[in-house]
Amino acid sequence: MQLHLDEISKYVARKAHAVVLMDRAGWHSTRKLIVPKNLTIILLPSKSPELNPVENVWQYLRSNHLSNRVFKDYTAIVDAACEAWNALIDKPNVIKSIGMRDWAHV
């Protein structure tokens, strides 16, 4: 998680500040993390996957690319996940629809 935060921090414009929304997974909220000065972490409430659009992305990937399959080995799992991810990123409208929340536009 530390490497991920450091990487996000590199891409924040100079003199800007970014907010990173995260669920409460243990590796997101550990005190061992050193949050870069140009980032603020906001932890979502517990047990609220509806607030975290990435949960819906994973559900989409499982439902449309990864379910009902048997994988030969770890490499086959990684390859299938990469193929699924690459298929998804070629569909920006699907990504938008997965992350959209009707209640956020009322």
C-alpha atoms as a PDB file:
ATOM      1  CA  MET A   1       0.000   0.000   0.000  1.00  0.00           C
ATOM      2  CA  GLN A   2       2.894   2.310   0.736  1.00  0.00           C
ATOM      3  CA  LEU A   3       4.248   1.896  -2.789  1.00  0.00           C
ATOM      4  CA  HIS A   4       0.785   2.591  -4.199  1.00  0.00           C
ATOM      5  CA  LEU A   5       0.390   5.823  -2.226  1.00  0.00           C
ATOM      6  CA  ASP A   6       3.885   6.931  -3.199  1.00  0.00           C
ATOM      7  CA  GLU A   7       3.058   6.316  -6.867  1.00  0.00           C
ATOM      8  CA  ILE A   8      -0.214   8.275  -6.656  1.00  0.00           C
ATOM      9  CA  SER A   9       1.644  11.107  -4.964  1.00  0.00           C
ATOM     10  CA  LYS A  10       4.088  11.383  -7.881  1.00  0.00           C
ATOM     11  CA  TYR A  11       1.241  12.227 -10.263  1.00  0.00           C
ATOM     12  CA  VAL A  12      -0.423  14.927  -8.187  1.00  0.00           C
ATOM     13  CA  ALA A  13       0.205  18.288  -9.809  1.00  0.00           C
ATOM     14  CA  ARG A  14       2.679  20.572  -8.072  1.00  0.00           C
ATOM     15  CA  LYS A  15       1.007  22.702  -5.375  1.00  0.00           C
ATOM     16  CA  ALA A  16      -2.106  20.487  -5.618  1.00  0.00           C
ATOM     17  CA  HIS A  17      -3.546  18.074  -3.081  1.00  0.00           C
ATOM     18  CA  ALA A  18      -5.366  14.791  -3.739  1.00  0.00           C
ATOM     19  CA  VAL A  19      -7.887  12.811  -1.754  1.00  0.00           C
ATOM     20  CA  VAL A  20      -7.727   9.015  -1.837  1.00  0.00           C
ATOM     21  CA  LEU A  21     -10.918   7.188  -0.853  1.00  0.00           C
ATOM     22  CA  MET A  22     -10.339   3.735   0.577  1.00  0.00           C
ATOM     23  CA  ASP A  23     -12.290   1.044   2.341  1.00  0.00           C
ATOM     24  CA  ARG A  24     -11.158  -0.088   5.749  1.00  0.00           C
ATOM     25  CA  ALA A  25      -9.022  -3.032   4.710  1.00  0.00           C
ATOM     26  CA  GLY A  26      -6.251  -3.518   7.245  1.00  0.00           C
ATOM     27  CA  TRP A  27      -3.522  -2.507   4.814  1.00  0.00           C
ATOM     28  CA  HIS A  28      -5.375   0.755   4.060  1.00  0.00           C
ATOM     29  CA  SER A  29      -5.611   1.865   7.665  1.00  0.00           C
ATOM     30  CA  THR A  30      -2.418   0.579   9.232  1.00  0.00           C
ATOM     31  CA  ARG A  31      -0.435   3.102  11.233  1.00  0.00           C
ATOM     32  CA  LYS A  32       2.668   1.902   9.405  1.00  0.00           C
ATOM     33  CA  LEU A  33       1.659   3.882   6.304  1.00  0.00           C
ATOM     34  CA  ILE A  34       3.427   7.158   5.734  1.00  0.00           C
ATOM     35  CA  VAL A  35       0.909   9.273   3.842  1.00  0.00           C
ATOM     36  CA  PRO A  36       2.634  11.690   1.459  1.00  0.00           C
ATOM     37  CA  LYS A  37       2.032  15.356   2.315  1.00  0.00           C
ATOM     38  CA  ASN A  38       0.130  15.968  -0.931  1.00  0.00           C
ATOM     39  CA  LEU A  39      -2.439  13.238  -0.168  1.00  0.00           C
ATOM     40  CA  THR A  40      -5.272  12.872   2.292  1.00  0.00           C
ATOM     41  CA  ILE A  41      -6.842   9.480   2.942  1.00  0.00           C
ATOM     42  CA  ILE A  42     -10.569   9.305   3.595  1.00  0.00           C
ATOM     43  CA  LEU A  43     -11.710   5.931   4.874  1.00  0.00           C
ATOM     44  CA  LEU A  44     -15.205   4.897   3.823  1.00  0.00           C
ATOM     45  CA  PRO A  45     -17.620   3.715   6.514  1.00  0.00           C
ATOM     46  CA  SER A  46     -17.390   0.048   7.402  1.00  0.00           C
ATOM     47  CA  LYS A  47     -19.619  -2.399   5.539  1.00  0.00           C
ATOM     48  CA  SER A  48     -20.581   0.052   2.801  1.00  0.00           C
ATOM     49  CA  PRO A  49     -19.483  -1.479  -0.516  1.00  0.00           C
ATOM     50  CA  GLU A  50     -22.090   0.636  -2.319  1.00  0.00           C
ATOM     51  CA  LEU A  51     -19.885   3.674  -1.659  1.00  0.00           C
ATOM     52  CA  ASN A  52     -16.849   2.041  -3.219  1.00  0.00           C
ATOM     53  CA  PRO A  53     -17.225   1.817  -7.019  1.00  0.00           C
ATOM     54  CA  VAL A  54     -14.234  -0.525  -7.326  1.00  0.00           C
ATOM     55  CA  GLU A  55     -16.305  -3.202  -5.597  1.00  0.00           C
ATOM     56  CA  ASN A  56     -18.631  -3.040  -8.597  1.00  0.00           C
ATOM     57  CA  VAL A  57     -15.675  -3.202 -10.987  1.00  0.00           C
ATOM     58  CA  TRP A  58     -14.535  -6.459  -9.384  1.00  0.00           C
ATOM     59  CA  GLN A  59     -18.092  -7.813  -9.539  1.00  0.00           C
ATOM     60  CA  TYR A  60     -18.277  -6.917 -13.240  1.00  0.00           C
ATOM     61  CA  LEU A  61     -14.943  -8.620 -13.945  1.00  0.00           C
ATOM     62  CA  ARG A  62     -15.981 -11.749 -12.054  1.00  0.00           C
ATOM     63  CA  SER A  63     -19.379 -11.903 -13.752  1.00  0.00           C
ATOM     64  CA  ASN A  64     -18.209 -11.168 -17.284  1.00  0.00           C
ATOM     65  CA  HIS A  65     -14.710 -12.592 -17.500  1.00  0.00           C
ATOM     66  CA  LEU A  66     -13.597 -14.698 -14.564  1.00  0.00           C
ATOM     67  CA  SER A  67     -16.520 -16.780 -13.275  1.00  0.00           C
ATOM     68  CA  ASN A  68     -17.242 -20.457 -13.933  1.00  0.00           C
ATOM     69  CA  ARG A  69     -13.670 -21.222 -14.905  1.00  0.00           C
ATOM     70  CA  VAL A  70     -10.978 -23.532 -13.655  1.00  0.00           C
ATOM     71  CA  PHE A  71      -7.439 -22.224 -13.857  1.00  0.00           C
ATOM     72  CA  LYS A  72      -4.444 -24.467 -14.425  1.00  0.00           C
ATOM     73  CA  ASP A  73      -2.137 -22.521 -12.128  1.00  0.00           C
ATOM     74  CA  TYR A  74      -1.319 -19.138 -10.631  1.00  0.00           C
ATOM     75  CA  THR A  75       0.033 -17.803 -13.932  1.00  0.00           C
ATOM     76  CA  ALA A  76      -3.251 -18.674 -15.646  1.00  0.00           C
ATOM     77  CA  ILE A  77      -5.147 -16.719 -12.971  1.00  0.00           C
ATOM     78  CA  VAL A  78      -2.925 -13.670 -13.397  1.00  0.00           C
ATOM     79  CA  ASP A  79      -3.176 -13.896 -17.191  1.00  0.00           C
ATOM     80  CA  ALA A  80      -6.982 -14.141 -17.064  1.00  0.00           C
ATOM     81  CA  ALA A  81      -7.190 -11.190 -14.668  1.00  0.00           C
ATOM     82  CA  CYS A  82      -4.950  -9.105 -16.941  1.00  0.00           C
ATOM     83  CA  GLU A  83      -7.014 -10.028 -20.001  1.00  0.00           C
ATOM     84  CA  ALA A  84     -10.211  -9.115 -18.155  1.00  0.00           C
ATOM     85  CA  TRP A  85      -8.757  -5.800 -17.002  1.00  0.00           C
ATOM     86  CA  ASN A  86      -7.505  -4.916 -20.487  1.00  0.00           C
ATOM     87  CA  ALA A  87     -10.897  -5.782 -21.990  1.00  0.00           C
ATOM     88  CA  LEU A  88     -12.560  -3.479 -19.462  1.00  0.00           C
ATOM     89  CA  ILE A  89     -10.275  -0.486 -19.943  1.00  0.00           C
ATOM     90  CA  ASP A  90     -11.094  -0.545 -23.648  1.00  0.00           C
ATOM     91  CA  LYS A  91     -14.723   0.237 -22.688  1.00  0.00           C
ATOM     92  CA  PRO A  92     -14.791   3.638 -20.939  1.00  0.00           C
ATOM     93  CA  ASN A  93     -18.594   3.811 -21.093  1.00  0.00           C
ATOM     94  CA  VAL A  94     -18.847   0.512 -19.230  1.00  0.00           C
ATOM     95  CA  ILE A  95     -16.455   1.801 -16.583  1.00  0.00           C
ATOM     96  CA  LYS A  96     -18.517   4.974 -16.267  1.00  0.00           C
ATOM     97  CA  SER A  97     -21.753   3.002 -15.901  1.00  0.00           C
ATOM     98  CA  ILE A  98     -20.230   0.698 -13.281  1.00  0.00           C
ATOM     99  CA  GLY A  99     -19.057   3.629 -11.158  1.00  0.00           C
ATOM    100  CA  MET A 100     -22.153   5.805 -11.606  1.00  0.00           C
ATOM    101  CA  ARG A 101     -24.486   6.242  -8.659  1.00  0.00           C
ATOM    102  CA  ASP A 102     -27.994   7.573  -9.300  1.00  0.00           C
ATOM    103  CA  TRP A 103     -28.176   9.025  -5.792  1.00  0.00           C
ATOM    104  CA  ALA A 104     -25.061  11.112  -6.464  1.00  0.00           C
ATOM    105  CA  HIS A 105     -26.817  13.007  -9.251  1.00  0.00           C
ATOM    106  CA  VAL A 106     -30.074  13.905  -7.491  1.00  0.00           C
END
